[in-house]
């Protein structure tokens, strides 16, 4: 039996990986070898533009992007300083409550709104830039710093330049060796048509004044792709198919039936027997369609018979086909199918719990490592630095130990309970069994336990004062404010 050899005379080994098979099964499979930045060099802009077009026009894509963003941000994050200096910690927490409402230069959004817009931009465009804007001390702000969100288009993707043996610009971002040192921006959005002259003017902004909010998918990746990149073509194809099917049904529903005759003479083709007009005049020969009203009956020739149309039948398995497409699109956007579509058919509470737990784990990663680490911590550091610089906060030794004062506890908005009674009981048992603690459980809720205790203590005192004024001698029997253990009069499962 003959042996196939290569150009070097050595026998050709069979391919050990089926996925690397060439002809015949792998024939036509285009999989170019490209680096992480070259891959996006020409693809980034069309991917962004098509995702934005999908967000404007595709119901499923808009639903997926909005719900992923809402689940990541919720109502906003709670920020609590964890500095070991009690005085600094309390002062910075109080200051932040004011600054969080003054960060937007336009005054339209608070910190939660800015965070939501940043996360939506990251998911839709792949990335967003957040620029620190220094303000004058007399600008009327509690701390003279604000933040400006810049779309990915503001940083030119095609700007690549060698500046020196160690400095170079890669896709609009300047590096000194491996370190980011600056970002280059247009002075106006290149596709807004507001300031055409500024399109040729680029501004170099130091990296310390810019947060690049993005999720790299490959080591060494400088810019990023939208999270919908893998689902764009399928969403567009399905959108066109669904629209064509809807139009077909709409047009077909206007026709009720047709009148026809089984035999006719040659003259019957020339003129309409009711109007006497030529049926096929040269002036209308080019018309191939007509607009009809619902219930229209098509009139045929003399001696007509009536044939009613059957109801519209899309075909067997249409529902399953559509559901399969939606499942693939939900996988492409990394969102559970029921959340994307609103179709909860056939699910029970255990399946929903398992599905949402997995989804929330992925969202939790983004909260901690992307929106939390990149955006929240970055803005917090800017605020603390500016507050210390203008004397709003007293931070001895800040120059030598900055992270002592930057220490921060970031608490995302808590997910609502799937089963409130079971979930709260489980938390109570975790604390009583020393698996968890009250501080951690409060953090999971996205709240400040010290603030909660102070509010509860204040409400308790107010409750007792009101009861004394109303001459209620046994307020505990009214229940409602305390747990059953502390309140013998409260309603429990046993009662």
Protein backbone atom coordinates (compact mmCIF):
# COMPACT_ATOMS: atom_id res chain seq x y z
CA UNK A 1 0.00 0.00 0.00
CA UNK A 2 1.43 3.40 -1.01
CA UNK A 3 2.29 6.11 1.51
CA UNK A 4 1.68 9.82 0.87
CA UNK A 5 4.78 11.89 1.55
CA UNK A 6 5.40 15.63 1.78
CA UNK A 7 7.91 17.83 -0.04
CA UNK A 8 10.57 16.80 2.46
CA UNK A 9 10.04 13.13 1.65
CA UNK A 10 8.59 12.36 5.07
CA UNK A 11 5.19 10.63 5.44
CA UNK A 12 2.30 13.04 6.10
CA UNK A 13 0.73 12.40 9.50
CA UNK A 14 -3.02 12.40 9.82
CA UNK A 15 -4.56 15.47 11.52
CA UNK A 16 -4.88 14.68 15.25
CA UNK A 17 -7.61 17.35 15.77
CA UNK A 18 -10.86 17.02 13.85
CA UNK A 19 -11.39 20.78 14.24
CA UNK A 20 -8.21 21.37 12.23
CA UNK A 21 -9.31 19.12 9.36
CA UNK A 22 -9.01 20.68 5.92
CA UNK A 23 -10.72 19.24 2.83
CA UNK A 24 -13.29 18.00 2.41
CA UNK A 25 -15.16 18.86 5.64
CA UNK A 26 -13.06 21.91 6.47
CA UNK A 27 -13.00 23.26 2.93
CA UNK A 28 -14.06 26.90 2.73
CA UNK A 29 -13.64 27.43 6.48
CA UNK A 30 -11.99 30.83 6.75
CA UNK A 31 -10.08 31.23 10.00
CA UNK A 32 -7.26 33.74 9.50
CA UNK A 33 -4.39 34.02 11.95
CA UNK A 34 -4.61 37.62 13.22
CA UNK A 35 -3.39 39.33 16.35
CA UNK A 36 -5.81 40.85 18.88
CA UNK A 37 -5.38 44.39 17.56
CA UNK A 38 -5.20 43.62 13.86
CA UNK A 39 -8.49 41.73 14.17
CA UNK A 40 -10.26 44.93 15.21
CA UNK A 41 -8.34 47.32 13.00
CA UNK A 42 -10.98 47.32 10.27
CA UNK A 43 -13.83 45.51 12.04
CA UNK A 44 -14.33 47.72 15.11
CA UNK A 45 -16.22 50.56 13.41
CA UNK A 46 -18.72 48.43 11.42
CA UNK A 47 -19.32 46.27 14.49
CA UNK A 48 -20.09 49.37 16.57
CA UNK A 49 -22.29 50.93 13.91
CA UNK A 50 -24.25 47.74 13.28
CA UNK A 51 -24.79 47.15 16.98
CA UNK A 52 -26.10 50.68 17.41
CA UNK A 53 -28.39 50.22 14.41
CA UNK A 54 -29.60 46.96 15.97
CA UNK A 55 -30.23 48.75 19.27
CA UNK A 56 -32.33 51.32 17.42
CA UNK A 57 -34.32 48.84 15.35
CA UNK A 58 -34.08 45.27 16.70
CA UNK A 59 -36.42 44.42 19.55
CA UNK A 60 -34.33 41.49 20.79
CA UNK A 61 -31.01 43.33 20.64
CA UNK A 62 -32.41 46.35 22.47
CA UNK A 63 -33.94 44.04 25.07
CA UNK A 64 -30.69 42.14 25.60
CA UNK A 65 -28.47 45.22 25.93
CA UNK A 66 -30.88 47.05 28.23
CA UNK A 67 -31.47 44.08 30.54
CA UNK A 68 -27.80 43.16 30.81
CA UNK A 69 -27.03 46.77 31.70
CA UNK A 70 -29.88 47.05 34.19
CA UNK A 71 -28.86 43.83 35.92
CA UNK A 72 -25.25 45.00 36.19
CA UNK A 73 -25.99 48.49 37.49
CA UNK A 74 -29.40 48.19 39.13
CA UNK A 75 -30.20 51.45 40.92
CA UNK A 76 -26.51 52.22 41.28
CA UNK A 77 -23.59 51.21 43.52
CA UNK A 78 -23.17 52.11 47.18
CA UNK A 79 -19.65 53.39 47.92
CA UNK A 80 -18.25 53.22 51.46
CA UNK A 81 -14.75 54.22 52.49
CA UNK A 82 -12.94 51.53 54.48
CA UNK A 83 -10.07 53.75 55.59
CA UNK A 84 -8.77 52.75 59.04
CA UNK A 85 -8.85 56.43 60.03
CA UNK A 86 -12.36 56.79 61.46
CA UNK A 87 -12.47 60.55 61.03
CA UNK A 88 -11.41 60.38 57.38
CA UNK A 89 -13.80 57.52 56.69
CA UNK A 90 -16.84 59.32 58.03
CA UNK A 91 -15.90 62.59 56.35
CA UNK A 92 -15.28 60.99 52.93
CA UNK A 93 -18.55 59.02 53.08
CA UNK A 94 -20.48 62.19 53.87
CA UNK A 95 -18.68 64.13 51.14
CA UNK A 96 -19.35 61.45 48.53
CA UNK A 97 -23.12 61.73 49.02
CA UNK A 98 -22.87 65.30 47.78
CA UNK A 99 -20.26 64.80 45.06
CA UNK A 100 -22.24 61.89 43.54
CA UNK A 101 -24.85 64.45 42.45
CA UNK A 102 -22.35 66.91 40.92
CA UNK A 103 -20.19 64.71 38.69
CA UNK A 104 -22.04 65.28 35.40
CA UNK A 105 -20.86 68.49 33.65
CA UNK A 106 -24.30 68.82 32.05
CA UNK A 107 -26.09 68.25 35.33
CA UNK A 108 -28.45 65.64 33.84
CA UNK A 109 -27.23 62.50 35.61
CA UNK A 110 -26.09 61.55 39.06
CA UNK A 111 -23.35 58.98 39.65
CA UNK A 112 -25.76 56.07 39.16
CA UNK A 113 -26.95 57.52 35.86
CA UNK A 114 -23.39 58.05 34.63
CA UNK A 115 -22.50 54.49 35.59
CA UNK A 116 -25.54 53.13 33.72
CA UNK A 117 -24.62 55.08 30.58
CA UNK A 118 -20.99 53.93 30.80
CA UNK A 119 -21.97 50.26 31.13
CA UNK A 120 -24.52 50.50 28.30
CA UNK A 121 -21.87 52.12 26.09
CA UNK A 122 -19.36 49.38 26.93
CA UNK A 123 -21.83 46.66 26.04
CA UNK A 124 -23.09 48.38 22.90
CA UNK A 125 -19.85 49.84 21.53
CA UNK A 126 -17.31 47.59 23.21
CA UNK A 127 -15.77 50.43 25.17
CA UNK A 128 -16.23 53.93 26.50
CA UNK A 129 -13.74 56.53 27.71
CA UNK A 130 -14.29 58.53 30.90
CA UNK A 131 -12.30 61.74 31.16
CA UNK A 132 -11.55 63.63 34.34
CA UNK A 133 -12.49 67.31 34.02
CA UNK A 134 -10.74 69.66 36.44
CA UNK A 135 -12.84 72.63 37.57
CA UNK A 136 -11.97 75.93 39.21
CA UNK A 137 -12.25 76.12 42.97
CA UNK A 138 -14.85 78.88 42.59
CA UNK A 139 -17.01 76.77 40.20
CA UNK A 140 -19.56 76.19 42.95
CA UNK A 141 -18.85 72.48 43.30
CA UNK A 142 -18.25 70.70 46.59
CA UNK A 143 -15.13 69.16 45.04
CA UNK A 144 -13.69 70.73 41.85
CA UNK A 145 -13.79 67.64 39.64
CA UNK A 146 -16.30 66.19 37.18
CA UNK A 147 -16.30 63.36 34.63
CA UNK A 148 -17.14 63.35 30.94
CA UNK A 149 -18.16 60.23 29.01
CA UNK A 150 -16.67 59.94 25.51
CA UNK A 151 -17.84 57.43 22.91
CA UNK A 152 -15.34 55.01 21.39
CA UNK A 153 -15.51 56.98 18.11
CA UNK A 154 -13.80 59.93 19.81
CA UNK A 155 -10.53 57.97 19.94
CA UNK A 156 -9.44 57.30 16.31
CA UNK A 157 -9.09 53.59 15.72
CA UNK A 158 -6.82 54.11 12.73
CA UNK A 159 -4.28 56.28 14.53
CA UNK A 160 -1.09 54.21 14.60
CA UNK A 161 2.25 55.96 14.82
CA UNK A 162 5.83 55.40 16.01
CA UNK A 163 6.89 58.39 18.13
CA UNK A 164 10.27 57.20 19.39
CA UNK A 165 12.13 53.92 19.91
CA UNK A 166 10.01 53.31 23.03
CA UNK A 167 6.88 55.35 22.37
CA UNK A 168 4.17 54.46 19.91
CA UNK A 169 0.47 55.05 19.34
CA UNK A 170 -1.66 51.94 18.82
CA UNK A 171 -5.24 52.55 17.69
CA UNK A 172 -5.37 55.96 19.35
CA UNK A 173 -3.71 54.97 22.65
CA UNK A 174 -0.14 56.02 23.35
CA UNK A 175 2.28 53.61 25.05
CA UNK A 176 5.73 54.06 26.51
CA UNK A 177 6.97 50.51 26.32
CA UNK A 178 4.11 48.51 27.85
CA UNK A 179 2.65 51.38 29.88
CA UNK A 180 -0.32 53.51 28.77
CA UNK A 181 0.69 57.15 28.97
CA UNK A 182 -1.95 59.01 26.97
CA UNK A 183 -5.11 58.76 24.88
CA UNK A 184 -5.71 60.80 21.72
CA UNK A 185 -9.19 62.23 21.17
CA UNK A 186 -11.00 64.25 18.53
CA UNK A 187 -12.25 67.57 19.86
CA UNK A 188 -15.74 66.76 18.55
CA UNK A 189 -17.54 63.57 17.62
CA UNK A 190 -16.43 62.67 14.07
CA UNK A 191 -19.92 61.61 12.96
CA UNK A 192 -22.03 64.36 14.52
CA UNK A 193 -21.30 66.94 11.82
CA UNK A 194 -21.11 69.73 14.41
CA UNK A 195 -17.50 70.85 14.13
CA UNK A 196 -15.96 69.52 10.92
CA UNK A 197 -12.79 71.57 11.37
CA UNK A 198 -11.90 69.73 14.58
CA UNK A 199 -11.81 66.33 12.86
CA UNK A 200 -8.23 67.00 11.84
CA UNK A 201 -7.35 68.23 15.33
CA UNK A 202 -6.45 65.66 17.94
CA UNK A 203 -5.93 66.32 21.62
CA UNK A 204 -3.51 64.32 23.74
CA UNK A 205 -4.94 63.56 27.19
CA UNK A 206 -2.68 62.00 29.86
CA UNK A 207 -3.69 58.47 30.85
CA UNK A 208 -4.06 59.53 34.48
CA UNK A 209 -7.06 61.63 33.42
CA UNK A 210 -8.77 58.86 31.42
CA UNK A 211 -10.59 55.68 32.39
CA UNK A 212 -10.82 53.18 29.54
CA UNK A 213 -13.89 51.10 30.37
CA UNK A 214 -13.74 47.93 28.26
CA UNK A 215 -13.56 44.15 28.45
CA UNK A 216 -10.59 42.69 26.58
CA UNK A 217 -11.10 39.19 25.24
CA UNK A 218 -7.46 38.51 24.29
CA UNK A 219 -4.13 39.32 25.99
CA UNK A 220 -2.57 42.44 24.51
CA UNK A 221 -5.86 43.76 23.17
CA UNK A 222 -5.88 47.58 23.15
CA UNK A 223 -9.48 48.21 22.04
CA UNK A 224 -12.59 46.02 22.34
CA UNK A 225 -15.55 44.74 20.35
CA UNK A 226 -19.27 45.08 21.21
CA UNK A 227 -20.66 42.18 23.20
CA UNK A 228 -23.12 41.53 20.35
CA UNK A 229 -20.39 40.88 17.76
CA UNK A 230 -21.14 37.16 17.42
CA UNK A 231 -24.90 37.63 17.08
CA UNK A 232 -25.08 40.61 14.74
CA UNK A 233 -25.48 38.74 11.45
CA UNK A 234 -28.04 36.29 12.84
CA UNK A 235 -30.04 39.09 14.41
CA UNK A 236 -30.08 41.05 11.15
CA UNK A 237 -31.04 37.99 9.09
CA UNK A 238 -33.80 37.03 11.50
CA UNK A 239 -35.02 40.64 11.65
CA UNK A 240 -35.36 40.77 7.85
CA UNK A 241 -37.05 37.36 7.74
CA UNK A 242 -39.50 38.23 10.49
CA UNK A 243 -40.31 41.56 8.87
CA UNK A 244 -40.89 39.92 5.46
CA UNK A 245 -43.12 37.28 7.07
CA UNK A 246 -45.14 39.94 8.86
CA UNK A 247 -45.60 41.97 5.67
CA UNK A 248 -46.58 38.82 3.77
CA UNK A 249 -49.23 38.02 6.33
CA UNK A 250 -50.51 41.60 6.32
CA UNK A 251 -50.82 41.73 2.53
CA UNK A 252 -52.32 38.27 2.27
CA UNK A 253 -54.92 38.97 4.95
CA UNK A 254 -56.49 41.66 2.74
CA UNK A 255 -57.57 39.06 0.16
CA UNK A 256 -60.68 37.05 0.91
CA UNK A 257 -60.97 34.99 -2.26
CA UNK A 258 -61.06 35.02 -6.06
CA UNK A 259 -63.86 34.81 -8.64
CA UNK A 260 -62.94 32.83 -11.69
CA UNK A 261 -64.48 30.96 -14.64
CA UNK A 262 -63.40 27.66 -16.06
CA UNK A 263 -63.78 28.70 -19.73
CA UNK A 264 -64.00 32.00 -21.59
CA UNK A 265 -63.69 33.50 -25.03
CA UNK A 266 -60.88 35.55 -26.44
CA UNK A 267 -62.85 38.80 -26.24
CA UNK A 268 -63.33 38.33 -22.54
CA UNK A 269 -59.67 39.26 -21.99
CA UNK A 270 -59.90 42.67 -23.69
CA UNK A 271 -62.40 44.67 -21.63
CA UNK A 272 -63.80 44.66 -18.11
CA UNK A 273 -67.49 43.63 -18.48
CA UNK A 274 -68.55 46.03 -15.68
CA UNK A 275 -66.66 49.17 -16.64
CA UNK A 276 -66.04 48.63 -20.35
CA UNK A 277 -62.45 49.76 -19.91
CA UNK A 278 -59.48 47.90 -21.28
CA UNK A 279 -58.28 45.41 -18.73
CA UNK A 280 -54.63 45.63 -19.65
CA UNK A 281 -53.99 49.14 -20.95
CA UNK A 282 -50.45 49.90 -22.05
CA UNK A 283 -50.24 52.73 -19.49
CA UNK A 284 -50.67 50.29 -16.61
CA UNK A 285 -48.78 47.35 -18.04
CA UNK A 286 -45.84 48.02 -15.74
CA UNK A 287 -47.92 47.79 -12.55
CA UNK A 288 -47.33 44.49 -10.78
CA UNK A 289 -49.11 45.10 -7.48
CA UNK A 290 -52.04 46.97 -6.00
CA UNK A 291 -52.91 48.29 -2.57
CA UNK A 292 -56.04 46.55 -1.32
CA UNK A 293 -58.32 46.90 1.67
CA UNK A 294 -59.15 44.13 4.10
CA UNK A 295 -61.93 41.87 2.82
CA UNK A 296 -61.19 42.59 -0.85
CA UNK A 297 -62.69 40.12 -3.35
CA UNK A 298 -60.76 39.74 -6.59
CA UNK A 299 -63.11 40.11 -9.58
CA UNK A 300 -62.36 37.88 -12.54
CA UNK A 301 -64.26 37.27 -15.81
CA UNK A 302 -67.92 36.77 -16.74
CA UNK A 303 -69.23 33.46 -15.45
CA UNK A 304 -67.08 33.75 -12.35
CA UNK A 305 -67.04 31.22 -9.54
CA UNK A 306 -66.08 31.99 -5.96
CA UNK A 307 -63.13 30.31 -4.27
CA UNK A 308 -62.42 31.45 -0.70
CA UNK A 309 -58.84 31.42 0.51
CA UNK A 310 -57.81 29.21 3.36
CA UNK A 311 -56.42 30.76 6.53
CA UNK A 312 -52.77 31.71 6.48
CA UNK A 313 -50.57 28.79 7.45
CA UNK A 314 -46.96 29.66 8.11
CA UNK A 315 -45.98 26.01 8.20
CA UNK A 316 -45.56 23.24 10.72
CA UNK A 317 -42.91 23.86 13.33
CA UNK A 318 -42.79 27.63 12.83
CA UNK A 319 -43.00 28.32 16.58
CA UNK A 320 -40.17 25.87 17.30
CA UNK A 321 -38.09 27.40 14.51
CA UNK A 322 -38.50 30.92 15.88
CA UNK A 323 -37.75 29.75 19.42
CA UNK A 324 -34.54 28.09 18.23
CA UNK A 325 -33.40 31.37 16.68
CA UNK A 326 -34.18 33.27 19.86
CA UNK A 327 -32.26 30.71 21.92
CA UNK A 328 -29.17 31.21 19.76
CA UNK A 329 -29.48 34.99 20.00
CA UNK A 330 -29.84 34.83 23.78
CA UNK A 331 -26.69 32.68 23.94
CA UNK A 332 -24.87 35.19 21.75
CA UNK A 333 -25.80 38.03 24.12
CA UNK A 334 -25.16 35.94 27.25
CA UNK A 335 -28.61 36.48 28.69
CA UNK A 336 -31.14 33.77 29.65
CA UNK A 337 -33.74 33.15 26.98
CA UNK A 338 -36.75 33.97 29.22
CA UNK A 339 -35.21 37.31 30.23
CA UNK A 340 -34.51 38.23 26.62
CA UNK A 341 -37.88 37.25 25.20
CA UNK A 342 -40.31 37.25 28.15
CA UNK A 343 -41.25 33.64 27.35
CA UNK A 344 -41.33 31.73 30.67
CA UNK A 345 -43.39 28.83 29.37
CA UNK A 346 -42.53 25.43 30.85
CA UNK A 347 -40.32 26.75 33.66
CA UNK A 348 -40.67 26.10 37.37
CA UNK A 349 -39.12 27.95 40.29
CA UNK A 350 -36.15 25.56 40.58
CA UNK A 351 -35.20 25.95 36.93
CA UNK A 352 -35.57 29.72 37.20
CA UNK A 353 -33.39 29.78 40.32
CA UNK A 354 -30.64 27.69 38.68
CA UNK A 355 -30.75 29.78 35.51
CA UNK A 356 -30.66 33.13 37.29
CA UNK A 357 -27.91 32.03 39.67
CA UNK A 358 -25.65 31.24 36.72
CA UNK A 359 -26.59 34.51 35.00
CA UNK A 360 -25.97 36.51 38.17
CA UNK A 361 -22.55 34.94 38.58
CA UNK A 362 -21.53 36.34 35.19
CA UNK A 363 -23.07 39.72 36.04
CA UNK A 364 -21.22 39.65 39.37
CA UNK A 365 -17.92 39.28 37.53
CA UNK A 366 -18.65 42.41 35.49
CA UNK A 367 -19.75 44.32 38.61
CA UNK A 368 -16.54 43.50 40.46
CA UNK A 369 -13.90 43.55 37.73
CA UNK A 370 -15.23 45.98 35.13
CA UNK A 371 -17.75 48.56 36.31
CA UNK A 372 -16.46 48.27 39.89
CA UNK A 373 -12.70 48.15 39.37
CA UNK A 374 -12.45 50.35 36.27
CA UNK A 375 -15.18 52.97 36.68
CA UNK A 376 -16.17 53.18 40.34
CA UNK A 377 -12.70 52.91 41.85
CA UNK A 378 -11.25 55.23 39.23
CA UNK A 379 -13.79 58.00 39.85
CA UNK A 380 -13.53 57.53 43.64
CA UNK A 381 -9.76 58.08 43.48
CA UNK A 382 -10.23 61.24 41.43
CA UNK A 383 -12.72 62.60 43.95
CA UNK A 384 -10.57 61.77 46.99
CA UNK A 385 -7.46 63.31 45.38
CA UNK A 386 -9.30 66.52 44.52
CA UNK A 387 -10.94 66.73 47.95
CA UNK A 388 -7.59 66.35 49.71
CA UNK A 389 -5.94 68.86 47.36
CA UNK A 390 -8.47 71.62 48.14
CA UNK A 391 -8.58 70.84 51.86
CA UNK A 392 -12.03 69.22 52.02
CA UNK A 393 -10.48 66.12 53.58
CA UNK A 394 -7.58 65.91 56.00
CA UNK A 395 -5.25 63.03 55.04
CA UNK A 396 -1.89 63.06 56.89
CA UNK A 397 0.79 61.12 55.01
CA UNK A 398 -1.27 60.84 51.83
CA UNK A 399 1.79 61.22 49.57
CA UNK A 400 3.44 58.18 51.17
CA UNK A 401 0.39 55.93 51.59
CA UNK A 402 -2.33 56.83 49.13
CA UNK A 403 -4.11 53.46 49.22
CA UNK A 404 -4.82 53.88 52.90
CA UNK A 405 -7.18 56.70 51.92
CA UNK A 406 -8.36 55.15 48.64
CA UNK A 407 -9.62 52.01 50.46
CA UNK A 408 -13.17 51.44 49.29
CA UNK A 409 -16.02 48.98 49.70
CA UNK A 410 -18.09 48.83 46.49
CA UNK A 411 -21.58 47.43 46.97
CA UNK A 412 -23.67 46.85 43.83
CA UNK A 413 -27.43 47.09 44.04
CA UNK A 414 -28.72 43.79 45.44
CA UNK A 415 -30.68 41.33 43.33
CA UNK A 416 -34.21 40.84 44.58
CA UNK A 417 -35.07 37.58 46.32
CA UNK A 418 -36.37 34.73 44.19
CA UNK A 419 -38.18 33.41 47.27
CA UNK A 420 -38.09 36.10 50.00
CA UNK A 421 -38.92 33.88 52.99
CA UNK A 422 -36.49 31.10 52.10
CA UNK A 423 -33.71 33.48 51.09
CA UNK A 424 -33.92 35.63 54.22
CA UNK A 425 -34.10 32.57 56.48
CA UNK A 426 -31.03 31.18 54.73
CA UNK A 427 -29.15 34.44 55.39
CA UNK A 428 -30.15 34.40 59.07
CA UNK A 429 -28.97 30.80 59.45
CA UNK A 430 -25.70 31.60 57.69
CA UNK A 431 -25.00 34.37 60.19
CA UNK A 432 -26.05 32.32 63.23
CA UNK A 433 -23.88 29.41 62.02
CA UNK A 434 -20.90 31.75 61.55
CA UNK A 435 -20.73 30.92 57.86
CA UNK A 436 -21.34 34.59 57.19
CA UNK A 437 -21.73 37.80 59.18
CA UNK A 438 -24.12 40.74 59.32
CA UNK A 439 -21.66 43.09 57.58
CA UNK A 440 -21.24 40.73 54.64
CA UNK A 441 -24.98 40.17 54.32
CA UNK A 442 -25.57 43.91 54.31
CA UNK A 443 -22.94 44.24 51.60
CA UNK A 444 -24.77 41.59 49.56
CA UNK A 445 -27.86 43.78 49.87
CA UNK A 446 -25.85 46.75 48.64
CA UNK A 447 -26.47 48.70 51.87
CA UNK A 448 -24.52 50.19 54.78
CA UNK A 449 -25.14 48.18 57.98
CA UNK A 450 -24.01 51.01 60.27
CA UNK A 451 -26.41 53.39 58.59
CA UNK A 452 -29.19 50.79 58.84
CA UNK A 453 -28.60 50.33 62.57
CA UNK A 454 -28.64 54.07 63.18
CA UNK A 455 -31.89 54.46 61.27
CA UNK A 456 -33.47 51.53 63.13
CA UNK A 457 -32.35 52.96 66.48
CA UNK A 458 -33.78 56.34 65.56
CA UNK A 459 -37.07 54.78 64.46
CA UNK A 460 -37.23 52.73 67.65
CA UNK A 461 -36.80 55.85 69.78
CA UNK A 462 -39.39 57.69 67.68
CA UNK A 463 -41.79 54.73 68.07
CA UNK A 464 -41.39 54.68 71.83
CA UNK A 465 -41.88 58.46 72.08
CA UNK A 466 -45.11 58.28 70.05
CA UNK A 467 -46.39 55.38 72.15
CA UNK A 468 -45.67 57.35 75.31
CA UNK A 469 -47.52 60.40 73.93
CA UNK A 470 -50.51 58.24 73.01
CA UNK A 471 -50.34 56.48 76.40
CA UNK A 472 -49.71 53.05 74.85
CA UNK A 473 -48.05 51.09 77.64
CA UNK A 474 -47.31 47.86 75.70
CA UNK A 475 -46.06 48.99 72.28
CA UNK A 476 -44.33 45.67 71.63
CA UNK A 477 -47.69 43.92 71.18
CA UNK A 478 -48.38 45.99 68.09
CA UNK A 479 -45.51 44.31 66.24
CA UNK A 480 -44.18 45.27 62.82
CA UNK A 481 -40.86 46.87 63.79
CA UNK A 482 -38.87 44.07 65.34
CA UNK A 483 -38.15 40.41 64.72
CA UNK A 484 -40.34 37.80 66.48
CA UNK A 485 -37.52 37.09 68.96
CA UNK A 486 -37.48 40.71 70.09
CA UNK A 487 -41.22 41.22 69.79
CA UNK A 488 -43.48 38.67 71.51
CA UNK A 489 -46.54 40.28 69.95
CA UNK A 490 -45.42 39.94 66.35
CA UNK A 491 -47.21 37.53 64.05
CA UNK A 492 -45.20 34.37 63.31
CA UNK A 493 -45.75 31.19 61.35
CA UNK A 494 -46.65 29.40 64.62
CA UNK A 495 -49.40 31.86 65.43
